[in-house]
Amino acid sequence: MGASGLVGQHVVARLRLRGHVATTVARTAREGVDHALDATTATPADLRPLLAGHDGVVFAAGVDDREVPRGPAYPAFHRGNVAPVAALFAAARAEGATRGVVLGSYFTHFHREHPEWRLAARHPYIRSRVAQARVAREAAGFPVAVLELPFVFGRAGDRVPTWSTPLARWARSRAPLAAPPGGTAATSARRVGEVAVEALEAASGADLPVAEENLTWREMIARVASATGGHRRVRALHPAALRAALVLSGVAYAVSGREPGLAPRHLPDLLLRELFVGTGARGALDAAIHDTFNP
């Protein structure tokens, strides 16, 4: 499920490369999709015919942290991230599947490693991802591996990360480039496909952070600028400037009646950290970053 997306396409390609037969499901019909079905409204009864005869299942759909719903945010994230896995894995269990994979978020890794950060309590999106992992395993009754994904670079046909377009536009513009302290782990869609299939074949059932490089925000923006054809200097953004900007965005959301999945009030405490996973390997993402910004 979610087979037409950037990461979903890489998972399907890897499954077939390894000799597996894969049935693909996505929200809308397009080339390479066997069945069009909306994950947010599908019931176990809708899903069971698609899962008959399958040994494993992969959930690569869901709603990410850029969603800003009207009203309280958590119900929207529950509909996008939690309810669909409950339906999918209940149907898979009824059809005799023995293993599964959920493509989740690296925020669940930090939620587990740093309970003092209170991530699930502060951020509706992270709360939905924590619930997603728990509910998938409860509904399945068989091993379900949760891949904890950071920023993902790469390309699959015309699909690129949704955040890459505004970032590329900024990097190509004449506007100053600036980045705050802190940084993030990152990986490639190709690597996610590999890890997902390895976990499925092994019936892993583990929490699996997936990261190939750890990048400061300054390094990340500089490498994106280089990939888009520029080699401009990336200036340091003072943490106070970031905090002020996020306070203003929080006020704007409140006035419009919207609530983001990552609470602006607490977001600086997250973004100004080094959200690194493992040690990483310098240059491991060069090809994926290039592919993201160069068709």
C-alpha atoms as a PDB file:
ATOM      1  CA  MET A   1       0.000   0.000   0.000  1.00  0.00           C
ATOM      2  CA  GLY A   2       1.454   3.359  -1.076  1.00  0.00           C
ATOM      3  CA  ALA A   3       3.163   1.675  -4.032  1.00  0.00           C
ATOM      4  CA  SER A   4       3.104   4.715  -6.339  1.00  0.00           C
ATOM      5  CA  GLY A   5       5.089   6.969  -4.001  1.00  0.00           C
ATOM      6  CA  LEU A   6       8.808   7.640  -4.093  1.00  0.00           C
ATOM      7  CA  VAL A   7       9.726   5.067  -1.456  1.00  0.00           C
ATOM      8  CA  GLY A   8       6.926   2.654  -2.354  1.00  0.00           C
ATOM      9  CA  GLN A   9       8.227   2.331  -5.905  1.00  0.00           C
ATOM     10  CA  HIS A  10      11.689   1.461  -4.630  1.00  0.00           C
ATOM     11  CA  VAL A  11      10.238  -1.185  -2.291  1.00  0.00           C
ATOM     12  CA  VAL A  12       8.289  -2.787  -5.159  1.00  0.00           C
ATOM     13  CA  ALA A  13      11.315  -2.721  -7.467  1.00  0.00           C
ATOM     14  CA  ARG A  14      13.477  -4.364  -4.804  1.00  0.00           C
ATOM     15  CA  LEU A  15      10.862  -7.042  -4.098  1.00  0.00           C
ATOM     16  CA  ARG A  16      10.712  -7.966  -7.769  1.00  0.00           C
ATOM     17  CA  LEU A  17      14.491  -7.889  -8.110  1.00  0.00           C
ATOM     18  CA  ARG A  18      14.619 -10.440  -5.295  1.00  0.00           C
ATOM     19  CA  GLY A  19      12.145 -12.669  -7.137  1.00  0.00           C
ATOM     20  CA  HIS A  20       9.002 -11.878  -5.145  1.00  0.00           C
ATOM     21  CA  VAL A  21       5.571 -11.368  -6.666  1.00  0.00           C
ATOM     22  CA  ALA A  22       4.155  -8.025  -5.494  1.00  0.00           C
ATOM     23  CA  THR A  23       0.600  -6.742  -5.706  1.00  0.00           C
ATOM     24  CA  THR A  24       0.595  -2.943  -5.688  1.00  0.00           C
ATOM     25  CA  VAL A  25      -2.043  -0.675  -4.146  1.00  0.00           C
ATOM     26  CA  ALA A  26      -2.168   3.135  -4.187  1.00  0.00           C
ATOM     27  CA  ARG A  27      -4.683   5.926  -3.729  1.00  0.00           C
ATOM     28  CA  THR A  28      -5.006   6.680  -7.454  1.00  0.00           C
ATOM     29  CA  ALA A  29      -4.694   4.537 -10.559  1.00  0.00           C
ATOM     30  CA  ARG A  30      -1.516   5.030 -12.570  1.00  0.00           C
ATOM     31  CA  GLU A  31       0.978   2.930 -14.464  1.00  0.00           C
ATOM     32  CA  GLY A  32       2.435   0.231 -12.221  1.00  0.00           C
ATOM     33  CA  VAL A  33      -0.484   0.240  -9.758  1.00  0.00           C
ATOM     34  CA  ASP A  34      -2.602  -2.910  -9.671  1.00  0.00           C
ATOM     35  CA  HIS A  35      -5.399  -1.568  -7.460  1.00  0.00           C
ATOM     36  CA  ALA A  36      -6.563   1.977  -6.664  1.00  0.00           C
ATOM     37  CA  LEU A  37      -7.806   2.242  -3.089  1.00  0.00           C
ATOM     38  CA  ASP A  38      -7.823   5.057  -0.552  1.00  0.00           C
ATOM     39  CA  ALA A  39      -5.995   3.790   2.550  1.00  0.00           C
ATOM     40  CA  THR A  40      -7.776   6.274   4.809  1.00  0.00           C
ATOM     41  CA  THR A  41     -11.231   4.836   4.056  1.00  0.00           C
ATOM     42  CA  ALA A  42     -10.471   1.190   3.261  1.00  0.00           C
ATOM     43  CA  THR A  43     -11.918  -1.413   5.629  1.00  0.00           C
ATOM     44  CA  PRO A  44     -10.548  -4.899   6.340  1.00  0.00           C
ATOM     45  CA  ALA A  45     -13.343  -6.236   4.116  1.00  0.00           C
ATOM     46  CA  ASP A  46     -12.117  -4.019   1.257  1.00  0.00           C
ATOM     47  CA  LEU A  47      -8.548  -5.189   1.736  1.00  0.00           C
ATOM     48  CA  ARG A  48      -8.929  -8.927   2.262  1.00  0.00           C
ATOM     49  CA  PRO A  49      -9.459  -9.818  -1.426  1.00  0.00           C
ATOM     50  CA  LEU A  50      -6.252  -7.950  -2.326  1.00  0.00           C
ATOM     51  CA  LEU A  51      -4.256  -9.789   0.354  1.00  0.00           C
ATOM     52  CA  ALA A  52      -5.431 -13.333  -0.350  1.00  0.00           C
ATOM     53  CA  GLY A  53      -2.466 -15.611  -0.997  1.00  0.00           C
ATOM     54  CA  HIS A  54       0.142 -13.078   0.134  1.00  0.00           C
ATOM     55  CA  ASP A  55       2.681 -13.894   2.829  1.00  0.00           C
ATOM     56  CA  GLY A  56       3.752 -10.336   3.670  1.00  0.00           C
ATOM     57  CA  VAL A  57       2.493  -6.770   3.529  1.00  0.00           C
ATOM     58  CA  VAL A  58       4.163  -3.342   3.382  1.00  0.00           C
ATOM     59  CA  PHE A  59       2.500  -0.067   4.417  1.00  0.00           C
ATOM     60  CA  ALA A  60       4.203   2.807   2.587  1.00  0.00           C
ATOM     61  CA  ALA A  61       1.333   5.302   2.650  1.00  0.00           C
ATOM     62  CA  GLY A  62       0.375   7.760   5.389  1.00  0.00           C
ATOM     63  CA  VAL A  63       0.422  11.468   6.158  1.00  0.00           C
ATOM     64  CA  ASP A  64       3.662  13.326   6.863  1.00  0.00           C
ATOM     65  CA  ASP A  65       4.468  16.184   9.205  1.00  0.00           C
ATOM     66  CA  ARG A  66       3.887  18.901   6.608  1.00  0.00           C
ATOM     67  CA  GLU A  67       0.122  18.381   6.808  1.00  0.00           C
ATOM     68  CA  VAL A  68      -1.673  21.269   8.550  1.00  0.00           C
ATOM     69  CA  PRO A  69      -5.312  20.244   9.102  1.00  0.00           C
ATOM     70  CA  ARG A  70      -8.155  22.449  10.274  1.00  0.00           C
ATOM     71  CA  GLY A  71      -9.077  22.104  13.926  1.00  0.00           C
ATOM     72  CA  PRO A  72      -7.242  19.723  16.268  1.00  0.00           C
ATOM     73  CA  ALA A  73      -4.465  17.999  14.331  1.00  0.00           C
ATOM     74  CA  TYR A  74      -4.372  14.575  15.930  1.00  0.00           C
ATOM     75  CA  PRO A  75      -7.663  13.201  14.485  1.00  0.00           C
ATOM     76  CA  ALA A  76      -6.398  13.949  10.965  1.00  0.00           C
ATOM     77  CA  PHE A  77      -3.069  12.234  11.614  1.00  0.00           C
ATOM     78  CA  HIS A  78      -4.859   9.284  13.209  1.00  0.00           C
ATOM     79  CA  ARG A  79      -7.002   8.914  10.071  1.00  0.00           C
ATOM     80  CA  GLY A  80      -3.926   9.040   7.848  1.00  0.00           C
ATOM     81  CA  ASN A  81      -1.388   7.029   9.836  1.00  0.00           C
ATOM     82  CA  VAL A  82      -3.098   4.868  12.460  1.00  0.00           C
ATOM     83  CA  ALA A  83      -6.511   3.750  11.201  1.00  0.00           C
ATOM     84  CA  PRO A  84      -5.158   2.501   7.837  1.00  0.00           C
ATOM     85  CA  VAL A  85      -2.549   0.212   9.405  1.00  0.00           C
ATOM     86  CA  ALA A  86      -5.158  -1.183  11.801  1.00  0.00           C
ATOM     87  CA  ALA A  87      -7.356  -2.109   8.826  1.00  0.00           C
ATOM     88  CA  LEU A  88      -4.487  -3.379   6.674  1.00  0.00           C
ATOM     89  CA  PHE A  89      -2.883  -5.621   9.251  1.00  0.00           C
ATOM     90  CA  ALA A  90      -6.201  -6.949  10.551  1.00  0.00           C
ATOM     91  CA  ALA A  91      -6.995  -7.985   6.976  1.00  0.00           C
ATOM     92  CA  ALA A  92      -3.514  -9.457   6.512  1.00  0.00           C
ATOM     93  CA  ARG A  93      -3.882 -11.500   9.679  1.00  0.00           C
ATOM     94  CA  ALA A  94      -7.265 -12.828   8.530  1.00  0.00           C
ATOM     95  CA  GLU A  95      -5.715 -13.887   5.212  1.00  0.00           C
ATOM     96  CA  GLY A  96      -2.836 -15.753   6.860  1.00  0.00           C
ATOM     97  CA  ALA A  97       0.052 -13.352   6.296  1.00  0.00           C
ATOM     98  CA  THR A  98       3.102 -13.975   8.463  1.00  0.00           C
ATOM     99  CA  ARG A  99       5.140 -10.750   8.276  1.00  0.00           C
ATOM    100  CA  GLY A 100       4.876  -7.044   7.624  1.00  0.00           C
ATOM    101  CA  VAL A 101       6.696  -3.735   7.330  1.00  0.00           C
ATOM    102  CA  VAL A 102       5.546  -0.198   8.132  1.00  0.00           C
ATOM    103  CA  LEU A 103       7.448   2.769   6.760  1.00  0.00           C
ATOM    104  CA  GLY A 104       7.367   5.204   9.660  1.00  0.00           C
ATOM    105  CA  SER A 105       9.338   8.170  10.980  1.00  0.00           C
ATOM    106  CA  TYR A 106      12.650   8.570  12.766  1.00  0.00           C
ATOM    107  CA  PHE A 107      10.821  10.660  15.332  1.00  0.00           C
ATOM    108  CA  THR A 108       9.677   7.378  16.917  1.00  0.00           C
ATOM    109  CA  HIS A 109      13.353   6.488  17.346  1.00  0.00           C
ATOM    110  CA  PHE A 110      13.982   9.723  19.248  1.00  0.00           C
ATOM    111  CA  HIS A 111      10.734   9.279  21.196  1.00  0.00           C
ATOM    112  CA  ARG A 112      12.077   5.934  22.372  1.00  0.00           C
ATOM    113  CA  GLU A 113      15.655   7.076  22.998  1.00  0.00           C
ATOM    114  CA  HIS A 114      14.778  10.409  24.654  1.00  0.00           C
ATOM    115  CA  PRO A 115      11.528  10.191  26.600  1.00  0.00           C
ATOM    116  CA  GLU A 116      12.518  13.415  28.377  1.00  0.00           C
ATOM    117  CA  TRP A 117      11.896  15.288  25.109  1.00  0.00           C
ATOM    118  CA  ARG A 118       8.147  14.445  25.424  1.00  0.00           C
ATOM    119  CA  LEU A 119       7.821  14.300  21.651  1.00  0.00           C
ATOM    120  CA  ALA A 120       4.540  12.387  21.450  1.00  0.00           C
ATOM    121  CA  ALA A 121       2.916  14.625  24.058  1.00  0.00           C
ATOM    122  CA  ARG A 122       3.979  17.809  22.284  1.00  0.00           C
ATOM    123  CA  HIS A 123       3.559  16.929  18.610  1.00  0.00           C
ATOM    124  CA  PRO A 124       0.371  15.360  17.143  1.00  0.00           C
ATOM    125  CA  TYR A 125       2.248  13.988  14.128  1.00  0.00           C
ATOM    126  CA  ILE A 126       4.791  12.151  16.281  1.00  0.00           C
ATOM    127  CA  ARG A 127       2.005  10.851  18.514  1.00  0.00           C
ATOM    128  CA  SER A 128       0.350   9.347  15.427  1.00  0.00           C
ATOM    129  CA  ARG A 129       3.562   7.624  14.352  1.00  0.00           C
ATOM    130  CA  VAL A 130       4.073   6.113  17.812  1.00  0.00           C
ATOM    131  CA  ALA A 131       0.466   4.892  17.790  1.00  0.00           C
ATOM    132  CA  GLN A 132       0.900   3.615  14.229  1.00  0.00           C
ATOM    133  CA  ALA A 133       3.717   1.252  15.219  1.00  0.00           C
ATOM    134  CA  ARG A 134       1.838  -0.043  18.255  1.00  0.00           C
ATOM    135  CA  VAL A 135      -1.483  -0.531  16.477  1.00  0.00           C
ATOM    136  CA  ALA A 136       0.071  -2.271  13.469  1.00  0.00           C
ATOM    137  CA  ARG A 137       1.650  -4.888  15.728  1.00  0.00           C
ATOM    138  CA  GLU A 138      -1.470  -5.327  17.822  1.00  0.00           C
ATOM    139  CA  ALA A 139      -3.663  -5.820  14.747  1.00  0.00           C
ATOM    140  CA  ALA A 140      -1.218  -8.146  12.985  1.00  0.00           C
ATOM    141  CA  GLY A 141      -0.327 -10.689  15.630  1.00  0.00           C
ATOM    142  CA  PHE A 142       2.785 -11.453  13.556  1.00  0.00           C
ATOM    143  CA  PRO A 143       6.185  -9.714  13.250  1.00  0.00           C
ATOM    144  CA  VAL A 144       5.917  -6.162  11.907  1.00  0.00           C
ATOM    145  CA  ALA A 145       9.147  -4.236  11.345  1.00  0.00           C
ATOM    146  CA  VAL A 146       8.910  -0.443  11.595  1.00  0.00           C
ATOM    147  CA  LEU A 147      11.403   1.439   9.450  1.00  0.00           C
ATOM    148  CA  GLU A 148      12.148   4.772  11.146  1.00  0.00           C
ATOM    149  CA  LEU A 149      12.876   7.087   8.229  1.00  0.00           C
ATOM    150  CA  PRO A 150      14.602  10.502   8.298  1.00  0.00           C
ATOM    151  CA  PHE A 151      14.831  12.842   5.301  1.00  0.00           C
ATOM    152  CA  VAL A 152      14.763  10.660   2.169  1.00  0.00           C
ATOM    153  CA  PHE A 153      16.540  11.732  -1.019  1.00  0.00           C
ATOM    154  CA  GLY A 154      16.175  10.118  -4.413  1.00  0.00           C
ATOM    155  CA  ARG A 155      13.897   9.752  -7.410  1.00  0.00           C
ATOM    156  CA  ALA A 156      11.501   7.186  -8.845  1.00  0.00           C
ATOM    157  CA  GLY A 157      10.394   8.256 -12.314  1.00  0.00           C
ATOM    158  CA  ASP A 158       8.720  11.624 -11.801  1.00  0.00           C
ATOM    159  CA  ARG A 159       8.434  11.164  -8.031  1.00  0.00           C
ATOM    160  CA  VAL A 160      10.786  13.110  -5.758  1.00  0.00           C
ATOM    161  CA  PRO A 161      10.430  14.099  -2.086  1.00  0.00           C
ATOM    162  CA  THR A 162       7.612  16.629  -1.766  1.00  0.00           C
ATOM    163  CA  TRP A 163       9.815  18.984   0.269  1.00  0.00           C
ATOM    164  CA  SER A 164      12.494  19.058  -2.452  1.00  0.00           C
ATOM    165  CA  THR A 165      10.632  21.401  -4.824  1.00  0.00           C
ATOM    166  CA  PRO A 166      10.453  24.461  -2.511  1.00  0.00           C
ATOM    167  CA  LEU A 167      13.984  23.754  -1.296  1.00  0.00           C
ATOM    168  CA  ALA A 168      15.287  23.662  -4.864  1.00  0.00           C
ATOM    169  CA  ARG A 169      13.406  26.871  -5.704  1.00  0.00           C
ATOM    170  CA  TRP A 170      15.041  28.590  -2.725  1.00  0.00           C
ATOM    171  CA  ALA A 171      18.501  27.249  -3.584  1.00  0.00           C
ATOM    172  CA  ARG A 172      18.194  28.498  -7.182  1.00  0.00           C
ATOM    173  CA  SER A 173      16.863  31.921  -6.201  1.00  0.00           C
ATOM    174  CA  ARG A 174      18.847  35.005  -5.281  1.00  0.00           C
ATOM    175  CA  ALA A 175      17.496  34.951  -1.729  1.00  0.00           C
ATOM    176  CA  PRO A 176      20.146  34.507   0.968  1.00  0.00           C
ATOM    177  CA  LEU A 177      20.711  30.954   2.156  1.00  0.00           C
ATOM    178  CA  ALA A 178      20.841  30.510   5.920  1.00  0.00           C
ATOM    179  CA  ALA A 179      20.653  27.574   8.298  1.00  0.00           C
ATOM    180  CA  PRO A 180      20.327  27.247  12.077  1.00  0.00           C
ATOM    181  CA  PRO A 181      22.450  25.002  14.297  1.00  0.00           C
ATOM    182  CA  GLY A 182      21.445  21.369  14.451  1.00  0.00           C
ATOM    183  CA  GLY A 183      20.938  18.807  11.746  1.00  0.00           C
ATOM    184  CA  THR A 184      19.357  15.584  10.662  1.00  0.00           C
ATOM    185  CA  ALA A 185      19.981  12.044   9.601  1.00  0.00           C
ATOM    186  CA  ALA A 186      19.190  11.323   5.952  1.00  0.00           C
ATOM    187  CA  THR A 187      18.932   8.332   3.653  1.00  0.00           C
ATOM    188  CA  SER A 188      18.027   7.404   0.081  1.00  0.00           C
ATOM    189  CA  ALA A 189      14.850   5.858  -1.301  1.00  0.00           C
ATOM    190  CA  ARG A 190      16.971   3.062  -2.738  1.00  0.00           C
ATOM    191  CA  ARG A 191      18.311   2.166   0.706  1.00  0.00           C
ATOM    192  CA  VAL A 192      14.823   2.234   2.215  1.00  0.00           C
ATOM    193  CA  GLY A 193      13.713  -0.276  -0.412  1.00  0.00           C
ATOM    194  CA  GLU A 194      16.613  -2.553   0.436  1.00  0.00           C
ATOM    195  CA  VAL A 195      16.020  -2.436   4.197  1.00  0.00           C
ATOM    196  CA  ALA A 196      12.267  -2.938   3.803  1.00  0.00           C
ATOM    197  CA  VAL A 197      12.715  -6.088   1.758  1.00  0.00           C
ATOM    198  CA  GLU A 198      15.431  -7.418   4.065  1.00  0.00           C
ATOM    199  CA  ALA A 199      13.104  -6.905   7.040  1.00  0.00           C
ATOM    200  CA  LEU A 200      10.206  -8.572   5.225  1.00  0.00           C
ATOM    201  CA  GLU A 201      12.266 -11.595   4.200  1.00  0.00           C
ATOM    202  CA  ALA A 202      13.606 -12.003   7.738  1.00  0.00           C
ATOM    203  CA  ALA A 203      10.178 -11.464   9.357  1.00  0.00           C
ATOM    204  CA  SER A 204      12.141  -9.047  11.523  1.00  0.00           C
ATOM    205  CA  GLY A 205       9.538  -7.324  13.674  1.00  0.00           C
ATOM    206  CA  ALA A 206      12.165  -4.820  14.874  1.00  0.00           C
ATOM    207  CA  ASP A 207      12.332  -1.035  15.090  1.00  0.00           C
ATOM    208  CA  LEU A 208      14.846  -0.169  12.374  1.00  0.00           C
ATOM    209  CA  PRO A 209      16.264   3.369  12.092  1.00  0.00           C
ATOM    210  CA  VAL A 210      17.464   3.852   8.501  1.00  0.00           C
ATOM    211  CA  ALA A 211      20.203   6.431   7.951  1.00  0.00           C
ATOM    212  CA  GLU A 212      23.169   6.731   5.603  1.00  0.00           C
ATOM    213  CA  GLU A 213      24.498  10.195   6.481  1.00  0.00           C
ATOM    214  CA  ASN A 214      24.182  12.728   9.261  1.00  0.00           C
ATOM    215  CA  LEU A 215      24.050  16.282   7.926  1.00  0.00           C
ATOM    216  CA  THR A 216      24.017  19.597   9.715  1.00  0.00           C
ATOM    217  CA  TRP A 217      21.309  21.861   8.298  1.00  0.00           C
ATOM    218  CA  ARG A 218      24.086  24.031   6.885  1.00  0.00           C
ATOM    219  CA  GLU A 219      25.695  21.069   5.109  1.00  0.00           C
ATOM    220  CA  MET A 220      22.362  19.880   3.764  1.00  0.00           C
ATOM    221  CA  ILE A 221      21.412  23.249   2.271  1.00  0.00           C
ATOM    222  CA  ALA A 222      24.905  23.707   0.794  1.00  0.00           C
ATOM    223  CA  ARG A 223      24.773  20.307  -0.892  1.00  0.00           C
ATOM    224  CA  VAL A 224      21.304  20.968  -2.247  1.00  0.00           C
ATOM    225  CA  ALA A 225      22.509  24.312  -3.625  1.00  0.00           C
ATOM    226  CA  SER A 226      25.452  22.562  -5.255  1.00  0.00           C
ATOM    227  CA  ALA A 227      23.181  19.900  -6.767  1.00  0.00           C
ATOM    228  CA  THR A 228      20.936  22.588  -8.251  1.00  0.00           C
ATOM    229  CA  GLY A 229      23.859  24.274  -9.958  1.00  0.00           C
ATOM    230  CA  GLY A 230      24.934  26.871  -7.433  1.00  0.00           C
ATOM    231  CA  HIS A 231      27.759  27.012  -4.911  1.00  0.00           C
ATOM    232  CA  ARG A 232      26.541  29.850  -2.750  1.00  0.00           C
ATOM    233  CA  ARG A 233      27.565  30.478   0.804  1.00  0.00           C
ATOM    234  CA  VAL A 234      25.152  29.301   3.492  1.00  0.00           C
ATOM    235  CA  ARG A 235      25.084  31.760   6.368  1.00  0.00           C
ATOM    236  CA  ALA A 236      24.431  30.913  10.011  1.00  0.00           C
ATOM    237  CA  LEU A 237      20.912  31.600  11.217  1.00  0.00           C
ATOM    238  CA  HIS A 238      20.762  32.598  14.870  1.00  0.00           C
ATOM    239  CA  PRO A 239      18.511  30.310  16.967  1.00  0.00           C
ATOM    240  CA  ALA A 240      16.568  33.356  18.190  1.00  0.00           C
ATOM    241  CA  ALA A 241      15.577  34.157  14.603  1.00  0.00           C
ATOM    242  CA  LEU A 242      14.250  30.632  14.111  1.00  0.00           C
ATOM    243  CA  ARG A 243      12.321  30.777  17.373  1.00  0.00           C
ATOM    244  CA  ALA A 244      10.765  34.119  16.454  1.00  0.00           C
ATOM    245  CA  ALA A 245       9.729  32.874  13.008  1.00  0.00           C
ATOM    246  CA  LEU A 246       8.088  29.781  14.470  1.00  0.00           C
ATOM    247  CA  VAL A 247       6.244  31.804  17.113  1.00  0.00           C
ATOM    248  CA  LEU A 248       4.792  33.949  14.320  1.00  0.00           C
ATOM    249  CA  SER A 249       3.836  30.878  12.293  1.00  0.00           C
ATOM    250  CA  GLY A 250       2.082  29.451  15.352  1.00  0.00           C
ATOM    251  CA  VAL A 251       0.057  32.642  15.706  1.00  0.00           C
ATOM    252  CA  ALA A 252      -0.875  32.537  12.023  1.00  0.00           C
ATOM    253  CA  TYR A 253      -2.026  28.915  12.286  1.00  0.00           C
ATOM    254  CA  ALA A 254      -4.102  29.707  15.373  1.00  0.00           C
ATOM    255  CA  VAL A 255      -5.784  32.639  13.620  1.00  0.00           C
ATOM    256  CA  SER A 256      -6.627  30.450  10.608  1.00  0.00           C
ATOM    257  CA  GLY A 257      -7.990  27.649  12.799  1.00  0.00           C
ATOM    258  CA  ARG A 258      -5.301  25.175  11.762  1.00  0.00           C
ATOM    259  CA  GLU A 259      -2.942  23.056  13.844  1.00  0.00           C
ATOM    260  CA  PRO A 260       0.285  21.644  12.361  1.00  0.00           C
ATOM    261  CA  GLY A 261       1.527  18.171  13.175  1.00  0.00           C
ATOM    262  CA  LEU A 262       4.743  19.557  14.654  1.00  0.00           C
ATOM    263  CA  ALA A 263       3.788  22.203  17.207  1.00  0.00           C
ATOM    264  CA  PRO A 264       5.560  25.517  16.360  1.00  0.00           C
ATOM    265  CA  ARG A 265       5.920  26.317  20.047  1.00  0.00           C
ATOM    266  CA  HIS A 266       8.072  23.253  20.654  1.00  0.00           C
ATOM    267  CA  LEU A 267       9.579  22.880  17.186  1.00  0.00           C
ATOM    268  CA  PRO A 268      12.766  24.918  17.854  1.00  0.00           C
ATOM    269  CA  ASP A 269      13.674  22.482  20.640  1.00  0.00           C
ATOM    270  CA  LEU A 270      13.589  19.773  17.979  1.00  0.00           C
ATOM    271  CA  LEU A 271      15.113  21.478  14.959  1.00  0.00           C
ATOM    272  CA  LEU A 272      18.047  22.953  16.901  1.00  0.00           C
ATOM    273  CA  ARG A 273      19.168  19.480  17.992  1.00  0.00           C
ATOM    274  CA  GLU A 274      21.429  17.170  16.031  1.00  0.00           C
ATOM    275  CA  LEU A 275      18.869  14.514  15.077  1.00  0.00           C
ATOM    276  CA  PHE A 276      21.591  12.086  14.092  1.00  0.00           C
ATOM    277  CA  VAL A 277      21.357   8.303  13.872  1.00  0.00           C
ATOM    278  CA  GLY A 278      24.517   6.209  14.077  1.00  0.00           C
ATOM    279  CA  THR A 279      27.743   7.549  12.611  1.00  0.00           C
ATOM    280  CA  GLY A 280      26.850   7.771   8.925  1.00  0.00           C
ATOM    281  CA  ALA A 281      29.270   7.823   5.997  1.00  0.00           C
ATOM    282  CA  ARG A 282      30.383  11.093   4.442  1.00  0.00           C
ATOM    283  CA  GLY A 283      29.349  11.307   0.798  1.00  0.00           C
ATOM    284  CA  ALA A 284      27.049   8.283   0.903  1.00  0.00           C
ATOM    285  CA  LEU A 285      24.142  10.369  -0.388  1.00  0.00           C
ATOM    286  CA  ASP A 286      25.921  12.256  -3.170  1.00  0.00           C
ATOM    287  CA  ALA A 287      24.198  10.298  -5.950  1.00  0.00           C
ATOM    288  CA  ALA A 288      20.757  10.420  -4.297  1.00  0.00           C
ATOM    289  CA  ILE A 289      20.993  14.181  -3.704  1.00  0.00           C
ATOM    290  CA  HIS A 290      22.010  14.726  -7.320  1.00  0.00           C
ATOM    291  CA  ASP A 291      19.160  12.550  -8.604  1.00  0.00           C
ATOM    292  CA  THR A 292      16.611  14.385  -6.443  1.00  0.00           C
ATOM    293  CA  PHE A 293      17.301  17.731  -8.074  1.00  0.00           C
ATOM    294  CA  ASN A 294      18.314  16.649 -11.602  1.00  0.00           C
ATOM    295  CA  PRO A 295      15.779  14.733 -13.738  1.00  0.00           C
END
